[in-house]
Protein backbone atom coordinates (compact mmCIF):
# COMPACT_ATOMS: atom_id res chain seq x y z
CA MET A 1 157.62 72.68 130.81
CA VAL A 2 157.39 76.64 131.45
CA LYS A 3 158.08 77.39 127.53
CA THR A 4 155.22 74.56 127.11
CA LYS A 5 153.02 76.12 129.97
CA CYS A 6 153.62 79.02 127.34
CA LEU A 7 153.05 78.22 124.34
CA SER A 8 149.84 75.94 125.19
CA ARG A 9 149.41 78.42 127.10
CA LYS A 10 149.50 80.76 123.56
CA PHE A 11 148.18 78.65 121.46
CA LEU A 12 144.80 77.98 123.11
CA ILE A 13 144.09 82.52 123.87
CA GLY A 14 144.81 82.51 120.17
CA LEU A 15 142.70 79.85 119.20
CA ILE A 16 139.74 80.93 121.09
CA CYS A 17 140.08 84.27 119.97
CA ILE A 18 139.94 83.11 116.24
CA PHE A 19 136.74 81.66 117.01
CA PHE A 20 135.32 84.66 118.48
CA LEU A 21 136.38 86.21 115.53
CA ILE A 22 134.68 83.79 112.92
CA LEU A 23 132.24 83.69 114.97
CA LEU A 24 131.66 87.53 115.50
CA ALA A 25 132.61 88.05 110.68
CA PHE A 26 130.03 85.42 110.91
CA LEU A 27 126.93 87.66 112.54
CA ILE A 28 128.24 91.11 111.05
CA THR A 29 127.81 89.11 107.66
CA ASP A 30 124.64 87.82 108.22
CA GLY A 31 123.03 90.75 109.50
CA TYR A 32 124.79 92.56 106.59
CA PHE A 33 122.50 90.24 104.04
CA ASN A 34 119.26 90.33 106.23
CA LEU A 35 119.28 93.60 106.21
CA ASN A 36 119.69 94.01 102.31
CA ARG A 37 117.05 91.37 101.81
CA ASP A 38 114.87 93.35 104.94
CA LEU A 39 114.70 96.52 102.93
CA LYS A 40 114.32 95.26 99.56
CA LEU A 41 111.29 93.35 100.94
CA HIS A 42 109.64 96.27 103.10
CA THR A 43 110.23 97.68 99.19
CA ALA A 44 108.43 95.67 97.93
CA ASP A 45 105.98 95.41 99.93
CA THR A 46 105.10 99.60 100.45
CA LYS A 47 104.63 99.13 96.63
CA ASP A 48 102.47 96.06 96.24
CA MET A 49 100.34 97.32 99.26
CA ILE A 50 100.22 100.29 97.08
CA ASP A 51 98.76 98.48 94.06
CA GLN A 52 95.88 96.57 96.41
CA ARG A 53 94.73 99.66 97.54
CA MET A 54 94.87 100.67 94.26
CA THR A 55 93.33 97.63 92.65
CA THR A 56 90.37 97.07 95.92
CA LEU A 57 89.64 100.83 94.72
CA LEU A 58 88.91 100.02 91.42
CA SER A 59 87.15 97.12 92.01
CA GLU A 60 84.70 99.49 93.96
CA ILE A 61 84.76 102.17 91.39
CA ASN A 62 83.29 99.40 88.49
CA ILE A 63 80.44 98.25 90.65
CA PHE A 64 79.25 101.03 88.18
CA PRO A 65 79.00 100.52 84.67
CA GLN A 66 78.08 96.70 85.21
CA HIS A 67 74.68 97.27 85.06
CA VAL A 68 74.02 100.95 83.19
CA GLY A 69 73.87 99.82 79.65
CA ASN A 70 71.29 96.96 80.50
CA ASP A 71 68.71 98.79 83.18
CA LEU A 72 68.52 101.19 79.95
CA LEU A 73 67.66 98.49 77.55
CA PHE A 74 65.34 97.24 80.20
CA LEU A 75 63.72 101.36 80.66
CA SER A 76 63.46 101.05 76.79
CA LYS A 77 61.35 98.43 76.57
CA LEU A 78 58.99 99.36 78.85
CA SER A 79 55.73 98.64 78.27
CA SER A 80 54.47 102.29 78.69
CA LEU A 81 57.05 103.60 76.66
CA ASN A 82 56.28 102.04 73.94
CA LYS A 83 52.32 103.14 74.50
CA VAL A 84 54.05 106.72 74.12
CA ILE A 85 56.77 106.41 71.49
CA ASN A 86 54.32 104.47 69.26
CA SER A 87 50.96 107.06 69.73
CA ASP A 88 50.92 109.98 67.57
CA GLU A 89 51.90 113.39 69.36
CA ASN A 90 48.18 114.63 69.37
CA GLU A 91 46.98 110.90 71.09
CA ILE A 92 48.89 110.70 74.10
CA ASP A 93 46.91 110.97 77.21
CA ASP A 94 47.96 111.84 80.37
CA ASN A 95 47.29 108.63 81.43
CA GLN A 96 49.93 107.13 78.59
CA LEU A 97 52.09 109.99 80.07
CA LYS A 98 51.28 109.47 84.42
CA GLU A 99 51.36 105.72 83.79
CA LEU A 100 55.24 106.07 82.02
CA GLU A 101 56.49 108.83 85.06
CA GLY A 102 54.93 106.38 87.83
CA ASP A 103 57.37 103.63 85.51
CA PHE A 104 59.68 106.07 86.15
CA LEU A 105 59.34 107.17 89.33
CA GLU A 106 59.24 103.48 91.33
CA PHE A 107 62.82 102.50 89.36
CA LEU A 108 64.45 105.55 90.43
CA LYS A 109 63.21 105.08 93.95
CA GLY A 110 65.17 101.56 93.21
CA SER A 111 68.43 102.88 91.76
CA ALA A 112 71.33 104.14 94.84
CA THR A 113 72.92 105.46 92.10
CA HIS A 114 70.17 107.19 89.47
CA TYR A 115 68.88 109.78 90.56
CA GLN A 116 67.02 111.93 87.65
CA LEU A 117 65.55 109.52 85.00
CA ARG A 118 64.02 111.66 81.53
CA TYR A 119 62.49 111.08 78.90
CA ILE A 120 63.98 113.21 75.73
CA ASP A 121 61.76 113.64 72.37
CA GLU A 122 63.21 113.99 69.12
CA GLY A 123 63.05 117.73 69.36
CA GLY A 124 65.37 117.98 72.80
CA ASN A 125 62.31 118.37 74.72
CA GLU A 126 61.98 116.78 78.23
CA ILE A 127 58.93 114.96 78.15
CA ILE A 128 58.88 112.80 81.67
CA ARG A 129 61.38 113.76 84.35
CA THR A 130 62.03 111.93 87.19
CA GLU A 131 64.01 112.63 90.48
CA PHE A 132 66.09 112.31 93.63
CA ASP A 133 66.51 115.84 95.93
CA GLU A 134 68.57 114.47 98.42
CA SER A 135 65.12 114.01 100.76
CA ASN A 136 62.19 113.59 97.34
CA TYR A 137 61.86 111.40 94.85
CA LYS A 138 59.63 113.48 92.62
CA ILE A 139 58.43 114.04 89.11
CA VAL A 140 59.57 117.76 87.32
CA SER A 141 56.20 119.73 86.68
CA LYS A 142 55.95 120.62 82.73
CA ASP A 143 56.08 123.54 83.47
CA ASN A 144 59.60 123.04 84.87
CA LEU A 145 60.46 120.79 81.25
CA GLN A 146 63.73 122.22 80.26
CA ASN A 147 64.54 121.64 75.68
CA LYS A 148 68.16 119.69 75.40
CA LYS A 149 68.66 119.33 72.37
CA HIS A 150 71.94 121.42 72.12
CA ARG A 151 73.43 119.38 75.41
CA PRO A 152 76.62 117.38 73.92
CA TYR A 153 74.51 113.91 75.78
CA PHE A 154 71.44 114.54 73.36
CA THR A 155 72.85 114.97 70.03
CA LYS A 156 75.67 112.65 70.35
CA THR A 157 72.54 109.76 71.80
CA ILE A 158 70.30 110.93 69.21
CA ASN A 159 72.40 109.20 66.36
CA LEU A 160 72.93 106.52 67.86
CA GLY A 161 71.38 102.96 66.70
CA GLU A 162 69.17 101.07 68.60
CA GLY A 163 71.11 98.73 71.13
CA GLU A 164 73.38 102.03 71.96
CA ILE A 165 74.91 103.27 74.66
CA TYR A 166 76.37 106.69 75.52
CA ILE A 167 77.95 107.58 78.39
CA SER A 168 79.09 111.17 79.24
CA PRO A 169 82.93 112.70 80.56
CA LEU A 170 82.38 113.26 84.19
CA ASP A 171 81.47 116.84 85.23
CA LEU A 172 78.41 118.70 88.01
CA ASN A 173 76.31 118.60 87.04
CA ILE A 174 73.81 121.41 84.64
CA GLU A 175 70.79 123.23 85.16
CA ASN A 176 69.23 126.45 83.30
CA GLY A 177 72.63 127.25 82.55
CA LYS A 178 73.91 127.24 85.69
CA ILE A 179 76.19 124.63 87.91
CA GLU A 180 74.18 123.06 89.78
CA ASN A 181 74.31 124.00 93.88
CA ARG A 182 72.08 122.52 95.77
CA GLY A 183 73.71 124.00 98.99
CA ALA A 184 74.86 127.68 99.99
CA GLU A 185 76.96 130.52 98.42
CA LYS A 186 79.87 129.86 100.78
CA ASN A 187 79.20 126.84 100.76
CA PRO A 188 78.74 125.08 97.85
CA GLU A 189 77.45 121.53 97.22
CA TYR A 190 77.69 120.44 92.63
CA ILE A 191 76.33 117.48 91.69
CA PRO A 192 78.82 115.43 89.99
CA THR A 193 77.26 113.92 87.14
CA ILE A 194 77.90 110.62 84.41
CA ARG A 195 75.14 110.67 82.34
CA SER A 196 74.29 107.69 80.48
CA ALA A 197 71.70 107.36 77.77
CA THR A 198 70.33 104.78 74.71
CA PRO A 199 67.58 106.12 71.86
CA VAL A 200 64.46 105.44 71.17
CA PHE A 201 62.71 103.79 68.42
CA ASN A 202 59.02 103.15 67.74
CA LYS A 203 57.60 100.31 65.75
CA LYS A 204 58.13 101.55 62.47
CA GLY A 205 61.66 102.44 63.19
CA VAL A 206 61.60 105.33 63.75
CA SER A 207 63.12 107.98 66.43
CA LYS A 208 61.52 108.76 69.34
CA GLY A 209 63.87 111.22 71.17
CA ILE A 210 66.44 109.23 73.84
CA ILE A 211 65.83 107.83 77.53
CA LEU A 212 68.71 109.19 79.73
CA PHE A 213 70.41 108.54 83.75
CA ASN A 214 71.80 110.71 86.02
CA ILE A 215 74.72 109.47 87.66
CA TYR A 216 75.06 110.83 91.33
CA ALA A 217 79.05 110.60 90.42
CA ASN A 218 79.53 111.08 94.46
CA TYR A 219 79.15 107.78 95.48
CA PHE A 220 82.12 106.58 94.71
CA LEU A 221 84.73 109.85 94.80
CA GLU A 222 83.81 109.35 97.92
CA ASP A 223 85.69 106.23 98.64
CA ILE A 224 88.75 108.03 96.34
CA ARG A 225 88.59 111.02 98.73
CA ARG A 226 88.38 108.85 102.15
CA ALA A 227 91.19 106.05 100.81
CA GLN A 228 93.88 108.75 101.96
CA ARG A 229 96.41 107.64 104.40
CA ASP A 230 99.46 109.38 105.83
CA GLY A 231 102.02 109.63 103.53
CA GLU A 232 100.17 108.88 100.78
CA ASN A 233 97.14 111.10 99.05
CA VAL A 234 94.53 109.20 96.48
CA PHE A 235 92.84 111.15 93.13
CA LEU A 236 91.39 110.68 90.24
CA VAL A 237 92.37 113.36 87.08
CA ASP A 238 90.74 113.38 84.30
CA GLU A 239 93.34 113.17 80.73
CA GLU A 240 94.50 117.14 81.79
CA GLY A 241 95.17 116.75 85.45
CA TYR A 242 92.37 117.90 86.31
CA TYR A 243 91.34 116.74 89.78
CA LEU A 244 87.29 114.23 89.74
CA ALA A 245 88.44 113.73 93.55
CA HIS A 246 90.25 115.36 95.34
CA PRO A 247 90.73 115.35 99.67
CA ASP A 248 89.76 119.26 99.05
CA ARG A 249 86.68 119.76 97.53
CA LYS A 250 87.53 123.12 96.61
CA LYS A 251 90.38 121.82 94.25
CA GLU A 252 87.62 119.40 91.80
CA PHE A 253 86.55 120.12 88.56
CA GLY A 254 88.52 122.97 88.05
CA PHE A 255 87.63 122.97 83.96
CA MET A 256 84.19 123.78 84.70
CA PHE A 257 85.46 127.05 87.17
CA ARG A 258 88.38 128.38 84.77
CA LYS A 259 91.03 127.29 87.87
CA ASN A 260 94.01 125.89 87.19
CA ASP A 261 94.34 123.53 89.72
CA THR A 262 95.63 120.00 88.24
CA LEU A 263 98.19 117.11 89.40
CA TYR A 264 100.55 119.26 86.88
CA ASN A 265 100.69 122.75 88.48
CA ASP A 266 101.25 120.47 91.65
CA TYR A 267 103.38 118.09 90.94
CA PRO A 268 105.26 119.37 88.23
CA GLU A 269 107.74 115.96 88.29
CA VAL A 270 104.62 114.79 86.68
CA SER A 271 104.62 115.50 82.91
CA LYS A 272 101.24 114.99 80.24
CA GLU A 273 103.56 112.31 79.09
CA VAL A 274 104.23 110.25 81.73
CA LEU A 275 100.64 110.67 82.89
CA LEU A 276 99.07 109.38 79.76
CA ASP A 277 101.86 106.42 79.60
CA VAL A 278 99.38 103.34 80.35
CA GLU A 279 102.46 101.42 79.78
CA ARG A 280 104.62 102.95 82.91
CA ARG A 281 102.04 102.90 85.80
CA ARG A 282 103.90 103.71 88.33
CA PHE A 283 106.96 106.88 87.98
CA GLU A 284 109.30 107.87 91.32
CA SER A 285 110.96 111.41 91.56
CA ASP A 286 113.39 111.85 94.73
CA ASN A 287 110.30 112.66 97.24
CA PHE A 288 107.63 110.86 96.02
CA ILE A 289 106.26 107.37 94.01
CA PHE A 290 103.26 107.86 92.20
CA SER A 291 100.81 105.33 90.36
CA PHE A 292 98.91 105.03 87.96
CA ARG A 293 96.09 103.36 86.87
CA TYR A 294 93.84 103.50 83.70
CA LEU A 295 89.78 103.44 83.22
CA CYS A 296 88.23 104.12 80.13
CA PRO A 297 84.83 104.30 80.58
CA THR A 298 83.49 103.28 77.00
CA THR A 299 85.50 100.58 76.88
CA GLY A 300 87.61 97.78 78.34
CA ASP A 301 86.66 96.76 82.39
CA TRP A 302 84.03 99.75 81.79
CA ASN A 303 81.87 97.37 78.95
CA VAL A 304 78.89 98.48 80.23
CA GLY A 305 76.60 95.47 79.16
CA LYS A 306 77.27 92.23 77.38
CA ASN A 307 74.67 92.55 74.71
CA LEU A 308 75.07 95.76 73.65
CA LYS A 309 76.32 96.77 69.88
CA ASN A 310 78.37 99.57 71.17
CA VAL A 311 79.73 101.54 73.45
CA PRO A 312 80.49 105.71 72.21
CA GLY A 313 82.60 107.72 75.05
CA GLU A 314 82.77 111.63 74.02
CA ASN A 315 85.19 110.77 71.31
CA PHE A 316 83.94 108.09 69.08
CA GLU A 317 87.15 107.76 67.74
CA ASP A 318 89.57 108.21 70.63
CA PRO A 319 87.80 107.59 74.55
CA TYR A 320 88.46 109.93 76.41
CA SER A 321 89.91 108.41 80.02
CA TRP A 322 90.63 108.51 83.92
CA ILE A 323 93.90 108.00 85.46
CA LEU A 324 93.17 106.79 89.60
CA VAL A 325 97.09 108.34 90.96
CA THR A 326 98.76 107.62 94.19
CA ILE A 327 101.39 109.71 95.50
CA SER A 328 103.69 108.20 98.20
CA GLU A 329 106.24 110.20 100.18
CA LYS A 330 109.74 108.12 100.62
CA ASP A 331 109.82 110.05 103.41
CA GLU A 332 107.73 107.22 105.06
CA ILE A 333 108.85 104.96 103.72
CA ASN A 334 112.93 105.62 104.12
CA ASN A 335 112.20 106.74 107.55
CA THR A 336 110.77 102.61 107.87
CA LEU A 337 114.01 101.76 105.80
CA SER A 338 116.28 103.72 108.79
CA GLN A 339 114.70 102.07 111.59
CA LEU A 340 115.59 98.87 109.50
CA LYS A 341 118.91 100.20 109.83
CA LYS A 342 119.19 101.08 113.17
CA SER A 343 118.17 97.99 113.71
CA TYR A 344 121.47 96.29 112.27
CA LEU A 345 124.00 99.02 113.56
CA TYR A 346 122.20 98.23 117.47
CA PHE A 347 122.25 94.20 116.72
CA LEU A 348 126.67 94.60 116.00
CA LEU A 349 126.81 96.65 118.56
CA PHE A 350 125.39 93.81 120.88
CA SER A 351 127.36 91.34 118.86
CA GLY A 352 130.56 93.23 119.04
CA ILE A 353 130.26 94.10 122.89
CA THR A 354 128.94 90.58 123.95
CA VAL A 355 132.12 88.97 122.07
CA LEU A 356 133.95 90.92 123.48
CA ILE A 357 132.63 90.40 127.21
CA ILE A 358 133.29 86.63 126.35
CA LEU A 359 137.78 87.54 125.40
CA ILE A 360 137.59 89.46 128.20
CA LEU A 361 136.48 86.78 130.46
CA ILE A 362 138.68 83.75 128.85
CA PHE A 363 141.89 86.07 129.51
CA ILE A 364 140.94 86.63 132.51
CA LEU A 365 140.67 82.72 133.80
CA VAL A 366 143.31 81.86 132.11
CA PHE A 367 145.50 84.10 132.87
CA LYS A 368 143.72 83.87 136.57
CA GLY A 369 143.32 80.62 136.87
CA SER A 370 146.75 78.81 138.33
CA ASP A 371 145.12 75.44 138.75
CA ILE A 372 143.95 75.42 135.38
CA LYS A 373 145.87 72.16 133.61
CA PHE A 374 147.56 73.18 129.90
CA LEU A 375 148.63 70.48 127.31
CA GLY A 376 152.24 69.35 128.52
CA GLU A 377 151.74 70.83 132.06
CA LYS A 378 152.01 68.72 134.93
CA LYS A 379 150.92 69.21 138.73
């Protein structure tokens, strides 16, 4: 009878131990697979969030070109402009010029992105120039008009055909041969500018110059500068790696100041070959995740109007590009992954302690409870 009692007790204890060990093994295995899944999901979600933020920024930037070409074509058909370009030079009177100046000024007042609008004749002379100087809309006096025949935007545009649009690279505005500074020498305020132009022709098809927008690029560059987050930086660079938008404004447009502030120098792990590989879109180093999106202001998403014959860039056969770059620190991602791993370890510890406590309680009850009936045991 005693043997039956001992065997029954041992069998029951063994059965209970096996059950709880199987339960513990199941919890460990399930937790392990859940941990791996969460680690992969977090990494994928992080990269998806980077992509979503870049897509949002791109959509904001892309607002710019959708109206520029059509605006230029609209202005090229103004009756006041046609009166000027179809008159002999000796017959252009002040009333005709004032009418065109008024139209240009009113158009400029209605634009949130254009700060300068000009008519330049076929000799490169500014005939009309209207502008916004951050406080006033004004018509520039004749004494302050300049000749622009040697500037690339004039030489490129004057050789285009009717309905064709020129879009310049993004750089800082230059006046009288110097970079325009609206601030102080110690605290400069430069004017990031994109120039867009189209040629104009009289009724005989003779070129009579160009009309030209200066577009204040800060309105979308500021969106990029403000897009910085903890553990993540966002830049706009050109093909040479020079910064066009950077949270530290002193690093921008280094090519105009003969500075060597480039993405390649700040992040040596990124080569020009990697940056310009449009098929890659993402690159990882030991410490960072680099994401790239490419903007070509003369092609693709930057098509400026449906009815335009051509949208040439600075180099007609090889349009220039801008690159939106997001750099995410892996430390931020790894910290979150470490937290997930710690949670998993805490779960294992809690599960192990719980199972151990249950087993101890069972042993106590089995060995101490002398009144408990076991299989084959009689009172």
